[in-house]
């Protein structure tokens, strides 16, 4: 019994895997034409579909929006009852209909034709009627459903999702959508934490512990204690960072008449620094690699902030 269950599960996955291989081979010039239309779209990419195709269209729309291509899902029935007003000539439409005979989509098709809104149709077999209204028809042909009855959309829906991902990622790369762009659209949750920038969490202004090179160590200790970050940055006359003194340095020099010495005599030269545009997770990796508890953020060698390893820990980056 167990073996039979496992075999059925594997068979479904293998059938759908074959479908994806067929899909990959069918990516052709129509895919290129569709991408060119979508890349030029100045408004939104409108996704539509009914039933399971509608669910997948909604997912593709979400993926597009989160990867730099503003998108919106419109339900065909709602479109026929006023939501067509959401469409503008700056938009483009991607309609999913595996059968190619979804009457609920007709109003959207006719509206796009009348208002010259580019229409891309993803279907199992493009007919002459579809080709009359669409700029591009992308065919998902020769796909065997994993359902033994051949009725439940399985391989076809998997292929639609994969094709939607291919469209979204191709546009993402062509638009040179970066990690920073991605973070601006995903500021919350665990993903947001991983893409958090140093400039968003660093201590700045009066929070930065800084002293001049000629300052005596008794004043250095006061500054370090006041700012409570376990270190001070040492700056030159032109305010450039030349060194760092940590609480560990204080312990190492405690027997060397440290109070009468200057910051420059005690400091470590050329401390590790980063820029404000670095991801916080990368800053944490740098601190762990170099076994340091804090790092200064600089611009033109002048300190503009400081990040402590505890700041990263509190954000759950470890």
C-alpha atoms as a PDB file:
ATOM      1  CA  UNK A   1       0.000   0.000   0.000  1.00  0.00           C
ATOM      2  CA  UNK A   2       2.751   2.451   0.979  1.00  0.00           C
ATOM      3  CA  UNK A   3       4.754   1.630  -2.141  1.00  0.00           C
ATOM      4  CA  UNK A   4       1.717   2.211  -4.330  1.00  0.00           C
ATOM      5  CA  UNK A   5       1.102   5.623  -2.745  1.00  0.00           C
ATOM      6  CA  UNK A   6       4.741   6.604  -3.272  1.00  0.00           C
ATOM      7  CA  UNK A   7       4.620   5.455  -6.905  1.00  0.00           C
ATOM      8  CA  UNK A   8       1.465   7.488  -7.597  1.00  0.00           C
ATOM      9  CA  UNK A   9       3.074  10.593  -6.096  1.00  0.00           C
ATOM     10  CA  UNK A  10       6.248  10.130  -8.129  1.00  0.00           C
ATOM     11  CA  UNK A  11       4.252   9.511 -11.314  1.00  0.00           C
ATOM     12  CA  UNK A  12       2.394  12.816 -10.929  1.00  0.00           C
ATOM     13  CA  UNK A  13       5.643  14.723 -10.419  1.00  0.00           C
ATOM     14  CA  UNK A  14       7.338  12.952 -13.333  1.00  0.00           C
ATOM     15  CA  UNK A  15       4.440  13.754 -15.683  1.00  0.00           C
ATOM     16  CA  UNK A  16       4.493  17.411 -14.669  1.00  0.00           C
ATOM     17  CA  UNK A  17       8.280  17.473 -14.976  1.00  0.00           C
ATOM     18  CA  UNK A  18       7.973  16.225 -18.577  1.00  0.00           C
ATOM     19  CA  UNK A  19       5.446  18.987 -19.161  1.00  0.00           C
ATOM     20  CA  UNK A  20       7.940  21.598 -17.976  1.00  0.00           C
ATOM     21  CA  UNK A  21      10.580  20.205 -20.325  1.00  0.00           C
ATOM     22  CA  UNK A  22       8.130  20.507 -23.213  1.00  0.00           C
ATOM     23  CA  UNK A  23       7.382  24.075 -22.110  1.00  0.00           C
ATOM     24  CA  UNK A  24      11.083  24.985 -22.033  1.00  0.00           C
ATOM     25  CA  UNK A  25      11.508  23.753 -25.613  1.00  0.00           C
ATOM     26  CA  UNK A  26       8.486  25.760 -26.752  1.00  0.00           C
ATOM     27  CA  UNK A  27       9.879  29.135 -25.592  1.00  0.00           C
ATOM     28  CA  UNK A  28      10.199  30.871 -28.952  1.00  0.00           C
ATOM     29  CA  UNK A  29       9.813  34.173 -30.765  1.00  0.00           C
ATOM     30  CA  UNK A  30       6.287  34.647 -29.398  1.00  0.00           C
ATOM     31  CA  UNK A  31       7.771  34.732 -25.914  1.00  0.00           C
ATOM     32  CA  UNK A  32      10.220  37.386 -27.104  1.00  0.00           C
ATOM     33  CA  UNK A  33       7.379  39.461 -28.606  1.00  0.00           C
ATOM     34  CA  UNK A  34       5.411  39.208 -25.363  1.00  0.00           C
ATOM     35  CA  UNK A  35       8.401  40.352 -23.293  1.00  0.00           C
ATOM     36  CA  UNK A  36       9.018  43.297 -25.622  1.00  0.00           C
ATOM     37  CA  UNK A  37       5.395  44.415 -25.211  1.00  0.00           C
ATOM     38  CA  UNK A  38       5.491  44.067 -21.424  1.00  0.00           C
ATOM     39  CA  UNK A  39       8.845  45.824 -21.084  1.00  0.00           C
ATOM     40  CA  UNK A  40       7.487  48.835 -22.989  1.00  0.00           C
ATOM     41  CA  UNK A  41       4.312  48.990 -20.884  1.00  0.00           C
ATOM     42  CA  UNK A  42       4.131  52.397 -19.198  1.00  0.00           C
ATOM     43  CA  UNK A  43       1.076  51.555 -17.113  1.00  0.00           C
ATOM     44  CA  UNK A  44       0.283  48.263 -15.398  1.00  0.00           C
ATOM     45  CA  UNK A  45       0.426  44.690 -16.610  1.00  0.00           C
ATOM     46  CA  UNK A  46      -3.135  43.416 -16.187  1.00  0.00           C
ATOM     47  CA  UNK A  47      -3.554  39.683 -15.519  1.00  0.00           C
ATOM     48  CA  UNK A  48      -6.873  37.942 -15.976  1.00  0.00           C
ATOM     49  CA  UNK A  49      -8.334  34.454 -16.084  1.00  0.00           C
ATOM     50  CA  UNK A  50     -11.250  32.398 -14.759  1.00  0.00           C
ATOM     51  CA  UNK A  51     -11.235  29.417 -12.384  1.00  0.00           C
ATOM     52  CA  UNK A  52      -7.820  27.875 -11.747  1.00  0.00           C
ATOM     53  CA  UNK A  53      -6.358  30.044 -14.515  1.00  0.00           C
ATOM     54  CA  UNK A  54      -7.577  33.045 -12.553  1.00  0.00           C
ATOM     55  CA  UNK A  55      -5.843  31.840  -9.390  1.00  0.00           C
ATOM     56  CA  UNK A  56      -2.600  31.428 -11.326  1.00  0.00           C
ATOM     57  CA  UNK A  57      -3.045  34.817 -13.023  1.00  0.00           C
ATOM     58  CA  UNK A  58      -3.374  36.383  -9.563  1.00  0.00           C
ATOM     59  CA  UNK A  59      -0.139  34.699  -8.467  1.00  0.00           C
ATOM     60  CA  UNK A  60       1.729  35.844 -11.592  1.00  0.00           C
ATOM     61  CA  UNK A  61       0.466  39.391 -11.047  1.00  0.00           C
ATOM     62  CA  UNK A  62       1.844  39.342  -7.508  1.00  0.00           C
ATOM     63  CA  UNK A  63       5.223  38.049  -8.712  1.00  0.00           C
ATOM     64  CA  UNK A  64       5.430  40.738 -11.388  1.00  0.00           C
ATOM     65  CA  UNK A  65       4.640  43.515  -8.925  1.00  0.00           C
ATOM     66  CA  UNK A  66       7.244  42.314  -6.432  1.00  0.00           C
ATOM     67  CA  UNK A  67       9.983  42.150  -9.081  1.00  0.00           C
ATOM     68  CA  UNK A  68       9.664  45.608 -10.580  1.00  0.00           C
ATOM     69  CA  UNK A  69       6.770  45.294 -13.052  1.00  0.00           C
ATOM     70  CA  UNK A  70       3.627  46.939 -11.584  1.00  0.00           C
ATOM     71  CA  UNK A  71       0.711  44.581 -12.105  1.00  0.00           C
ATOM     72  CA  UNK A  72      -2.925  44.027 -11.173  1.00  0.00           C
ATOM     73  CA  UNK A  73      -5.344  41.113 -11.400  1.00  0.00           C
ATOM     74  CA  UNK A  74      -8.829  41.754 -12.772  1.00  0.00           C
ATOM     75  CA  UNK A  75     -11.530  39.096 -12.544  1.00  0.00           C
ATOM     76  CA  UNK A  76     -13.303  38.665 -15.911  1.00  0.00           C
ATOM     77  CA  UNK A  77     -16.790  38.752 -14.390  1.00  0.00           C
ATOM     78  CA  UNK A  78     -16.025  41.908 -12.414  1.00  0.00           C
ATOM     79  CA  UNK A  79     -14.516  43.429 -15.552  1.00  0.00           C
ATOM     80  CA  UNK A  80     -17.838  42.940 -17.344  1.00  0.00           C
ATOM     81  CA  UNK A  81     -19.598  44.799 -14.542  1.00  0.00           C
ATOM     82  CA  UNK A  82     -17.543  47.969 -14.398  1.00  0.00           C
ATOM     83  CA  UNK A  83     -13.933  46.982 -13.696  1.00  0.00           C
ATOM     84  CA  UNK A  84     -13.028  47.513 -17.359  1.00  0.00           C
ATOM     85  CA  UNK A  85     -12.799  51.125 -16.253  1.00  0.00           C
ATOM     86  CA  UNK A  86      -9.553  50.202 -14.468  1.00  0.00           C
ATOM     87  CA  UNK A  87      -7.863  49.646 -17.818  1.00  0.00           C
ATOM     88  CA  UNK A  88      -5.990  52.395 -19.627  1.00  0.00           C
ATOM     89  CA  UNK A  89      -4.204  52.563 -22.959  1.00  0.00           C
ATOM     90  CA  UNK A  90      -0.890  52.632 -21.096  1.00  0.00           C
ATOM     91  CA  UNK A  91      -1.582  49.120 -19.784  1.00  0.00           C
ATOM     92  CA  UNK A  92      -1.099  45.719 -21.354  1.00  0.00           C
ATOM     93  CA  UNK A  93      -3.134  42.581 -20.696  1.00  0.00           C
ATOM     94  CA  UNK A  94      -2.071  38.984 -20.159  1.00  0.00           C
ATOM     95  CA  UNK A  95      -5.022  36.568 -20.289  1.00  0.00           C
ATOM     96  CA  UNK A  96      -4.786  32.936 -19.221  1.00  0.00           C
ATOM     97  CA  UNK A  97      -7.202  30.462 -20.795  1.00  0.00           C
ATOM     98  CA  UNK A  98      -5.932  26.938 -21.251  1.00  0.00           C
ATOM     99  CA  UNK A  99      -8.942  25.830 -23.311  1.00  0.00           C
ATOM    100  CA  UNK A 100      -9.030  29.033 -25.361  1.00  0.00           C
ATOM    101  CA  UNK A 101     -12.836  28.933 -25.178  1.00  0.00           C
ATOM    102  CA  UNK A 102     -13.516  30.945 -22.020  1.00  0.00           C
ATOM    103  CA  UNK A 103     -16.526  33.119 -22.849  1.00  0.00           C
ATOM    104  CA  UNK A 104     -16.088  35.131 -19.644  1.00  0.00           C
ATOM    105  CA  UNK A 105     -12.979  36.712 -21.183  1.00  0.00           C
ATOM    106  CA  UNK A 106     -14.710  37.982 -24.323  1.00  0.00           C
ATOM    107  CA  UNK A 107     -15.594  41.399 -22.901  1.00  0.00           C
ATOM    108  CA  UNK A 108     -11.957  42.021 -21.948  1.00  0.00           C
ATOM    109  CA  UNK A 109     -10.816  40.821 -25.365  1.00  0.00           C
ATOM    110  CA  UNK A 110     -13.207  43.132 -27.214  1.00  0.00           C
ATOM    111  CA  UNK A 111     -12.401  46.077 -24.945  1.00  0.00           C
ATOM    112  CA  UNK A 112      -8.656  45.646 -25.506  1.00  0.00           C
ATOM    113  CA  UNK A 113      -9.179  45.472 -29.275  1.00  0.00           C
ATOM    114  CA  UNK A 114     -11.417  48.542 -29.306  1.00  0.00           C
ATOM    115  CA  UNK A 115      -9.052  50.641 -27.158  1.00  0.00           C
ATOM    116  CA  UNK A 116      -5.835  49.318 -28.693  1.00  0.00           C
ATOM    117  CA  UNK A 117      -4.571  47.865 -25.407  1.00  0.00           C
ATOM    118  CA  UNK A 118      -1.939  45.180 -26.149  1.00  0.00           C
ATOM    119  CA  UNK A 119      -3.274  41.717 -25.363  1.00  0.00           C
ATOM    120  CA  UNK A 120      -1.169  38.609 -24.755  1.00  0.00           C
ATOM    121  CA  UNK A 121      -3.020  35.300 -24.528  1.00  0.00           C
ATOM    122  CA  UNK A 122      -1.569  32.182 -22.926  1.00  0.00           C
ATOM    123  CA  UNK A 123      -3.470  29.109 -24.093  1.00  0.00           C
ATOM    124  CA  UNK A 124      -3.134  25.451 -25.060  1.00  0.00           C
ATOM    125  CA  UNK A 125      -4.028  26.107 -28.677  1.00  0.00           C
ATOM    126  CA  UNK A 126      -4.411  29.467 -30.346  1.00  0.00           C
ATOM    127  CA  UNK A 127      -7.387  29.694 -32.698  1.00  0.00           C
ATOM    128  CA  UNK A 128      -7.997  32.152 -35.533  1.00  0.00           C
ATOM    129  CA  UNK A 129     -10.408  34.048 -33.262  1.00  0.00           C
ATOM    130  CA  UNK A 130      -7.792  34.487 -30.549  1.00  0.00           C
ATOM    131  CA  UNK A 131      -5.164  35.576 -33.059  1.00  0.00           C
ATOM    132  CA  UNK A 132      -7.526  38.302 -34.324  1.00  0.00           C
ATOM    133  CA  UNK A 133      -7.773  39.978 -30.912  1.00  0.00           C
ATOM    134  CA  UNK A 134      -4.315  39.221 -29.462  1.00  0.00           C
ATOM    135  CA  UNK A 135      -0.980  40.815 -30.254  1.00  0.00           C
ATOM    136  CA  UNK A 136       0.707  37.572 -29.207  1.00  0.00           C
ATOM    137  CA  UNK A 137      -0.520  34.049 -28.452  1.00  0.00           C
ATOM    138  CA  UNK A 138       1.783  31.845 -26.383  1.00  0.00           C
ATOM    139  CA  UNK A 139       0.859  28.183 -26.749  1.00  0.00           C
ATOM    140  CA  UNK A 140       1.210  25.537 -24.046  1.00  0.00           C
ATOM    141  CA  UNK A 141       0.708  22.543 -26.305  1.00  0.00           C
ATOM    142  CA  UNK A 142       1.272  18.789 -26.068  1.00  0.00           C
ATOM    143  CA  UNK A 143       0.925  18.757 -22.285  1.00  0.00           C
ATOM    144  CA  UNK A 144      -0.386  15.602 -20.641  1.00  0.00           C
ATOM    145  CA  UNK A 145      -2.372  16.217 -17.470  1.00  0.00           C
ATOM    146  CA  UNK A 146      -1.219  14.218 -14.449  1.00  0.00           C
ATOM    147  CA  UNK A 147      -4.853  13.477 -13.635  1.00  0.00           C
ATOM    148  CA  UNK A 148      -5.594   9.882 -14.801  1.00  0.00           C
ATOM    149  CA  UNK A 149      -8.945  11.088 -16.150  1.00  0.00           C
ATOM    150  CA  UNK A 150      -7.239  13.817 -18.119  1.00  0.00           C
ATOM    151  CA  UNK A 151      -9.740  16.310 -16.706  1.00  0.00           C
ATOM    152  CA  UNK A 152      -8.210  18.012 -13.659  1.00  0.00           C
ATOM    153  CA  UNK A 153      -5.814  20.855 -14.590  1.00  0.00           C
ATOM    154  CA  UNK A 154      -2.458  19.707 -13.212  1.00  0.00           C
ATOM    155  CA  UNK A 155       0.414  19.746 -15.688  1.00  0.00           C
ATOM    156  CA  UNK A 156      -1.216  22.670 -17.494  1.00  0.00           C
ATOM    157  CA  UNK A 157      -1.479  24.798 -14.356  1.00  0.00           C
ATOM    158  CA  UNK A 158       2.114  23.959 -13.379  1.00  0.00           C
ATOM    159  CA  UNK A 159       3.250  25.062 -16.843  1.00  0.00           C
ATOM    160  CA  UNK A 160       1.291  28.319 -16.554  1.00  0.00           C
ATOM    161  CA  UNK A 161       2.940  29.135 -13.226  1.00  0.00           C
ATOM    162  CA  UNK A 162       6.387  28.351 -14.637  1.00  0.00           C
ATOM    163  CA  UNK A 163       5.738  30.483 -17.717  1.00  0.00           C
ATOM    164  CA  UNK A 164       4.580  33.342 -15.497  1.00  0.00           C
ATOM    165  CA  UNK A 165       7.789  33.064 -13.485  1.00  0.00           C
ATOM    166  CA  UNK A 166       9.800  33.068 -16.720  1.00  0.00           C
ATOM    167  CA  UNK A 167       8.071  36.262 -17.823  1.00  0.00           C
ATOM    168  CA  UNK A 168       8.565  37.986 -14.455  1.00  0.00           C
ATOM    169  CA  UNK A 169      12.230  37.064 -14.072  1.00  0.00           C
ATOM    170  CA  UNK A 170      13.060  37.939 -17.684  1.00  0.00           C
ATOM    171  CA  UNK A 171      11.536  41.396 -17.178  1.00  0.00           C
ATOM    172  CA  UNK A 172      13.332  41.704 -13.847  1.00  0.00           C
ATOM    173  CA  UNK A 173      16.703  41.080 -15.493  1.00  0.00           C
ATOM    174  CA  UNK A 174      16.025  43.333 -18.467  1.00  0.00           C
ATOM    175  CA  UNK A 175      15.023  46.160 -16.123  1.00  0.00           C
ATOM    176  CA  UNK A 176      18.149  45.516 -13.998  1.00  0.00           C
ATOM    177  CA  UNK A 177      16.023  45.173 -10.874  1.00  0.00           C
ATOM    178  CA  UNK A 178      18.439  45.004  -7.907  1.00  0.00           C
ATOM    179  CA  UNK A 179      18.400  43.634  -4.371  1.00  0.00           C
ATOM    180  CA  UNK A 180      17.936  47.186  -3.113  1.00  0.00           C
ATOM    181  CA  UNK A 181      14.912  47.603  -5.373  1.00  0.00           C
ATOM    182  CA  UNK A 182      13.582  44.309  -4.039  1.00  0.00           C
ATOM    183  CA  UNK A 183      14.024  45.475  -0.436  1.00  0.00           C
ATOM    184  CA  UNK A 184      12.077  48.668  -1.095  1.00  0.00           C
ATOM    185  CA  UNK A 185       9.095  46.474  -2.043  1.00  0.00           C
ATOM    186  CA  UNK A 186       9.623  43.925   0.778  1.00  0.00           C
ATOM    187  CA  UNK A 187      10.446  45.928   3.934  1.00  0.00           C
ATOM    188  CA  UNK A 188       8.596  43.567   6.282  1.00  0.00           C
ATOM    189  CA  UNK A 189       9.022  40.003   7.510  1.00  0.00           C
ATOM    190  CA  UNK A 190      12.057  37.735   7.408  1.00  0.00           C
ATOM    191  CA  UNK A 191      12.807  38.663   3.798  1.00  0.00           C
ATOM    192  CA  UNK A 192      12.831  42.329   4.759  1.00  0.00           C
ATOM    193  CA  UNK A 193      15.327  41.651   7.531  1.00  0.00           C
ATOM    194  CA  UNK A 194      17.732  39.938   5.154  1.00  0.00           C
ATOM    195  CA  UNK A 195      17.547  42.871   2.736  1.00  0.00           C
ATOM    196  CA  UNK A 196      17.764  45.597   5.397  1.00  0.00           C
ATOM    197  CA  UNK A 197      20.380  48.246   4.611  1.00  0.00           C
ATOM    198  CA  UNK A 198      23.003  49.477   7.053  1.00  0.00           C
ATOM    199  CA  UNK A 199      21.817  53.079   6.690  1.00  0.00           C
ATOM    200  CA  UNK A 200      18.420  52.077   8.079  1.00  0.00           C
ATOM    201  CA  UNK A 201      19.755  50.755  11.384  1.00  0.00           C
ATOM    202  CA  UNK A 202      23.100  52.478  12.040  1.00  0.00           C
ATOM    203  CA  UNK A 203      23.671  54.871  14.952  1.00  0.00           C
ATOM    204  CA  UNK A 204      24.331  58.355  13.628  1.00  0.00           C
ATOM    205  CA  UNK A 205      24.798  61.996  14.614  1.00  0.00           C
ATOM    206  CA  UNK A 206      25.470  62.484  18.332  1.00  0.00           C
ATOM    207  CA  UNK A 207      25.161  58.733  18.875  1.00  0.00           C
ATOM    208  CA  UNK A 208      28.549  58.127  17.193  1.00  0.00           C
ATOM    209  CA  UNK A 209      31.414  57.851  19.726  1.00  0.00           C
ATOM    210  CA  UNK A 210      34.217  60.020  18.338  1.00  0.00           C
ATOM    211  CA  UNK A 211      37.331  61.692  19.736  1.00  0.00           C
ATOM    212  CA  UNK A 212      40.263  63.625  18.298  1.00  0.00           C
ATOM    213  CA  UNK A 213      43.726  62.100  17.977  1.00  0.00           C
ATOM    214  CA  UNK A 214      45.241  64.329  20.687  1.00  0.00           C
ATOM    215  CA  UNK A 215      42.501  63.766  23.256  1.00  0.00           C
ATOM    216  CA  UNK A 216      43.789  62.225  26.509  1.00  0.00           C
ATOM    217  CA  UNK A 217      42.566  58.783  27.403  1.00  0.00           C
ATOM    218  CA  UNK A 218      40.587  59.889  30.458  1.00  0.00           C
ATOM    219  CA  UNK A 219      38.307  61.844  28.102  1.00  0.00           C
ATOM    220  CA  UNK A 220      38.280  58.910  25.677  1.00  0.00           C
ATOM    221  CA  UNK A 221      37.013  56.601  28.433  1.00  0.00           C
ATOM    222  CA  UNK A 222      34.270  59.090  29.316  1.00  0.00           C
ATOM    223  CA  UNK A 223      33.125  59.238  25.652  1.00  0.00           C
ATOM    224  CA  UNK A 224      33.199  55.464  25.351  1.00  0.00           C
ATOM    225  CA  UNK A 225      31.202  55.032  28.553  1.00  0.00           C
ATOM    226  CA  UNK A 226      28.698  57.725  27.538  1.00  0.00           C
ATOM    227  CA  UNK A 227      27.921  56.260  24.096  1.00  0.00           C
ATOM    228  CA  UNK A 228      27.879  52.649  25.379  1.00  0.00           C
ATOM    229  CA  UNK A 229      28.923  51.001  22.094  1.00  0.00           C
ATOM    230  CA  UNK A 230      32.156  49.481  23.381  1.00  0.00           C
ATOM    231  CA  UNK A 231      34.458  51.675  21.319  1.00  0.00           C
ATOM    232  CA  UNK A 232      35.347  55.146  20.078  1.00  0.00           C
ATOM    233  CA  UNK A 233      36.440  56.255  16.639  1.00  0.00           C
ATOM    234  CA  UNK A 234      39.516  58.441  16.430  1.00  0.00           C
ATOM    235  CA  UNK A 235      39.432  61.253  13.878  1.00  0.00           C
ATOM    236  CA  UNK A 236      42.057  63.619  12.477  1.00  0.00           C
ATOM    237  CA  UNK A 237      41.800  67.414  12.261  1.00  0.00           C
ATOM    238  CA  UNK A 238      39.905  67.102   8.959  1.00  0.00           C
ATOM    239  CA  UNK A 239      37.418  64.710  10.641  1.00  0.00           C
ATOM    240  CA  UNK A 240      38.628  61.598   8.815  1.00  0.00           C
ATOM    241  CA  UNK A 241      38.623  58.277  10.659  1.00  0.00           C
ATOM    242  CA  UNK A 242      42.189  57.238  11.461  1.00  0.00           C
ATOM    243  CA  UNK A 243      41.702  54.656  14.173  1.00  0.00           C
ATOM    244  CA  UNK A 244      39.521  52.876  16.720  1.00  0.00           C
ATOM    245  CA  UNK A 245      39.821  52.156  20.448  1.00  0.00           C
ATOM    246  CA  UNK A 246      37.732  49.338  21.914  1.00  0.00           C
ATOM    247  CA  UNK A 247      37.066  48.337  25.515  1.00  0.00           C
ATOM    248  CA  UNK A 248      39.419  45.418  24.838  1.00  0.00           C
ATOM    249  CA  UNK A 249      42.199  47.904  24.074  1.00  0.00           C
ATOM    250  CA  UNK A 250      41.554  49.581  27.439  1.00  0.00           C
ATOM    251  CA  UNK A 251      42.034  46.289  29.274  1.00  0.00           C
ATOM    252  CA  UNK A 252      45.225  45.500  27.364  1.00  0.00           C
ATOM    253  CA  UNK A 253      46.774  48.902  28.143  1.00  0.00           C
ATOM    254  CA  UNK A 254      45.485  49.334  31.701  1.00  0.00           C
ATOM    255  CA  UNK A 255      48.954  48.754  33.252  1.00  0.00           C
ATOM    256  CA  UNK A 256      50.756  51.118  30.864  1.00  0.00           C
ATOM    257  CA  UNK A 257      49.804  54.399  32.540  1.00  0.00           C
ATOM    258  CA  UNK A 258      47.005  54.673  29.968  1.00  0.00           C
ATOM    259  CA  UNK A 259      45.333  57.786  31.431  1.00  0.00           C
ATOM    260  CA  UNK A 260      48.269  60.045  30.458  1.00  0.00           C
ATOM    261  CA  UNK A 261      48.381  58.846  26.867  1.00  0.00           C
ATOM    262  CA  UNK A 262      46.541  60.249  23.854  1.00  0.00           C
ATOM    263  CA  UNK A 263      43.984  58.493  21.705  1.00  0.00           C
ATOM    264  CA  UNK A 264      46.473  58.328  18.839  1.00  0.00           C
ATOM    265  CA  UNK A 265      48.964  56.426  20.994  1.00  0.00           C
ATOM    266  CA  UNK A 266      46.442  53.754  21.944  1.00  0.00           C
ATOM    267  CA  UNK A 267      44.272  53.437  18.832  1.00  0.00           C
ATOM    268  CA  UNK A 268      44.397  50.692  16.239  1.00  0.00           C
ATOM    269  CA  UNK A 269      45.041  52.169  12.827  1.00  0.00           C
ATOM    270  CA  UNK A 270      43.017  51.480   9.683  1.00  0.00           C
ATOM    271  CA  UNK A 271      39.877  50.053  11.300  1.00  0.00           C
ATOM    272  CA  UNK A 272      37.379  48.060   9.244  1.00  0.00           C
ATOM    273  CA  UNK A 273      34.776  50.319   7.634  1.00  0.00           C
ATOM    274  CA  UNK A 274      31.725  49.873   5.413  1.00  0.00           C
ATOM    275  CA  UNK A 275      29.381  52.071   3.368  1.00  0.00           C
ATOM    276  CA  UNK A 276      25.783  52.879   4.231  1.00  0.00           C
ATOM    277  CA  UNK A 277      24.433  51.026   1.185  1.00  0.00           C
ATOM    278  CA  UNK A 278      25.662  47.615   2.384  1.00  0.00           C
ATOM    279  CA  UNK A 279      23.091  45.050   3.458  1.00  0.00           C
ATOM    280  CA  UNK A 280      22.990  44.632   7.244  1.00  0.00           C
ATOM    281  CA  UNK A 281      23.339  40.857   6.870  1.00  0.00           C
ATOM    282  CA  UNK A 282      26.620  41.392   4.966  1.00  0.00           C
ATOM    283  CA  UNK A 283      27.846  43.820   7.618  1.00  0.00           C
ATOM    284  CA  UNK A 284      27.140  41.164  10.244  1.00  0.00           C
ATOM    285  CA  UNK A 285      29.120  38.590   8.243  1.00  0.00           C
ATOM    286  CA  UNK A 286      32.057  41.029   8.046  1.00  0.00           C
ATOM    287  CA  UNK A 287      32.025  41.573  11.821  1.00  0.00           C
ATOM    288  CA  UNK A 288      31.835  37.841  12.531  1.00  0.00           C
ATOM    289  CA  UNK A 289      34.613  37.067  10.045  1.00  0.00           C
ATOM    290  CA  UNK A 290      36.941  39.681  11.560  1.00  0.00           C
ATOM    291  CA  UNK A 291      35.842  38.939  15.143  1.00  0.00           C
ATOM    292  CA  UNK A 292      34.877  42.546  15.848  1.00  0.00           C
ATOM    293  CA  UNK A 293      31.850  43.853  17.687  1.00  0.00           C
ATOM    294  CA  UNK A 294      31.300  47.095  15.847  1.00  0.00           C
ATOM    295  CA  UNK A 295      32.085  48.769  12.538  1.00  0.00           C
ATOM    296  CA  UNK A 296      32.081  52.385  11.396  1.00  0.00           C
ATOM    297  CA  UNK A 297      30.185  53.577   8.321  1.00  0.00           C
ATOM    298  CA  UNK A 298      32.121  56.184   6.342  1.00  0.00           C
ATOM    299  CA  UNK A 299      31.779  58.534   3.391  1.00  0.00           C
ATOM    300  CA  UNK A 300      35.034  59.914   1.984  1.00  0.00           C
ATOM    301  CA  UNK A 301      36.751  58.378   5.036  1.00  0.00           C
ATOM    302  CA  UNK A 302      34.600  60.487   7.372  1.00  0.00           C
ATOM    303  CA  UNK A 303      32.438  58.563   9.889  1.00  0.00           C
ATOM    304  CA  UNK A 304      28.684  59.022   9.365  1.00  0.00           C
ATOM    305  CA  UNK A 305      27.503  56.111  11.490  1.00  0.00           C
ATOM    306  CA  UNK A 306      28.370  53.054  13.527  1.00  0.00           C
ATOM    307  CA  UNK A 307      26.829  49.595  13.660  1.00  0.00           C
ATOM    308  CA  UNK A 308      27.125  47.260  16.658  1.00  0.00           C
ATOM    309  CA  UNK A 309      26.798  43.507  16.332  1.00  0.00           C
ATOM    310  CA  UNK A 310      24.066  43.586  18.989  1.00  0.00           C
ATOM    311  CA  UNK A 311      21.946  45.750  16.648  1.00  0.00           C
ATOM    312  CA  UNK A 312      21.992  42.883  14.151  1.00  0.00           C
ATOM    313  CA  UNK A 313      21.235  40.289  16.808  1.00  0.00           C
ATOM    314  CA  UNK A 314      18.241  42.294  18.093  1.00  0.00           C
ATOM    315  CA  UNK A 315      16.848  42.380  14.543  1.00  0.00           C
ATOM    316  CA  UNK A 316      17.077  38.598  14.335  1.00  0.00           C
ATOM    317  CA  UNK A 317      19.729  38.542  11.597  1.00  0.00           C
ATOM    318  CA  UNK A 318      21.482  35.607  13.275  1.00  0.00           C
END
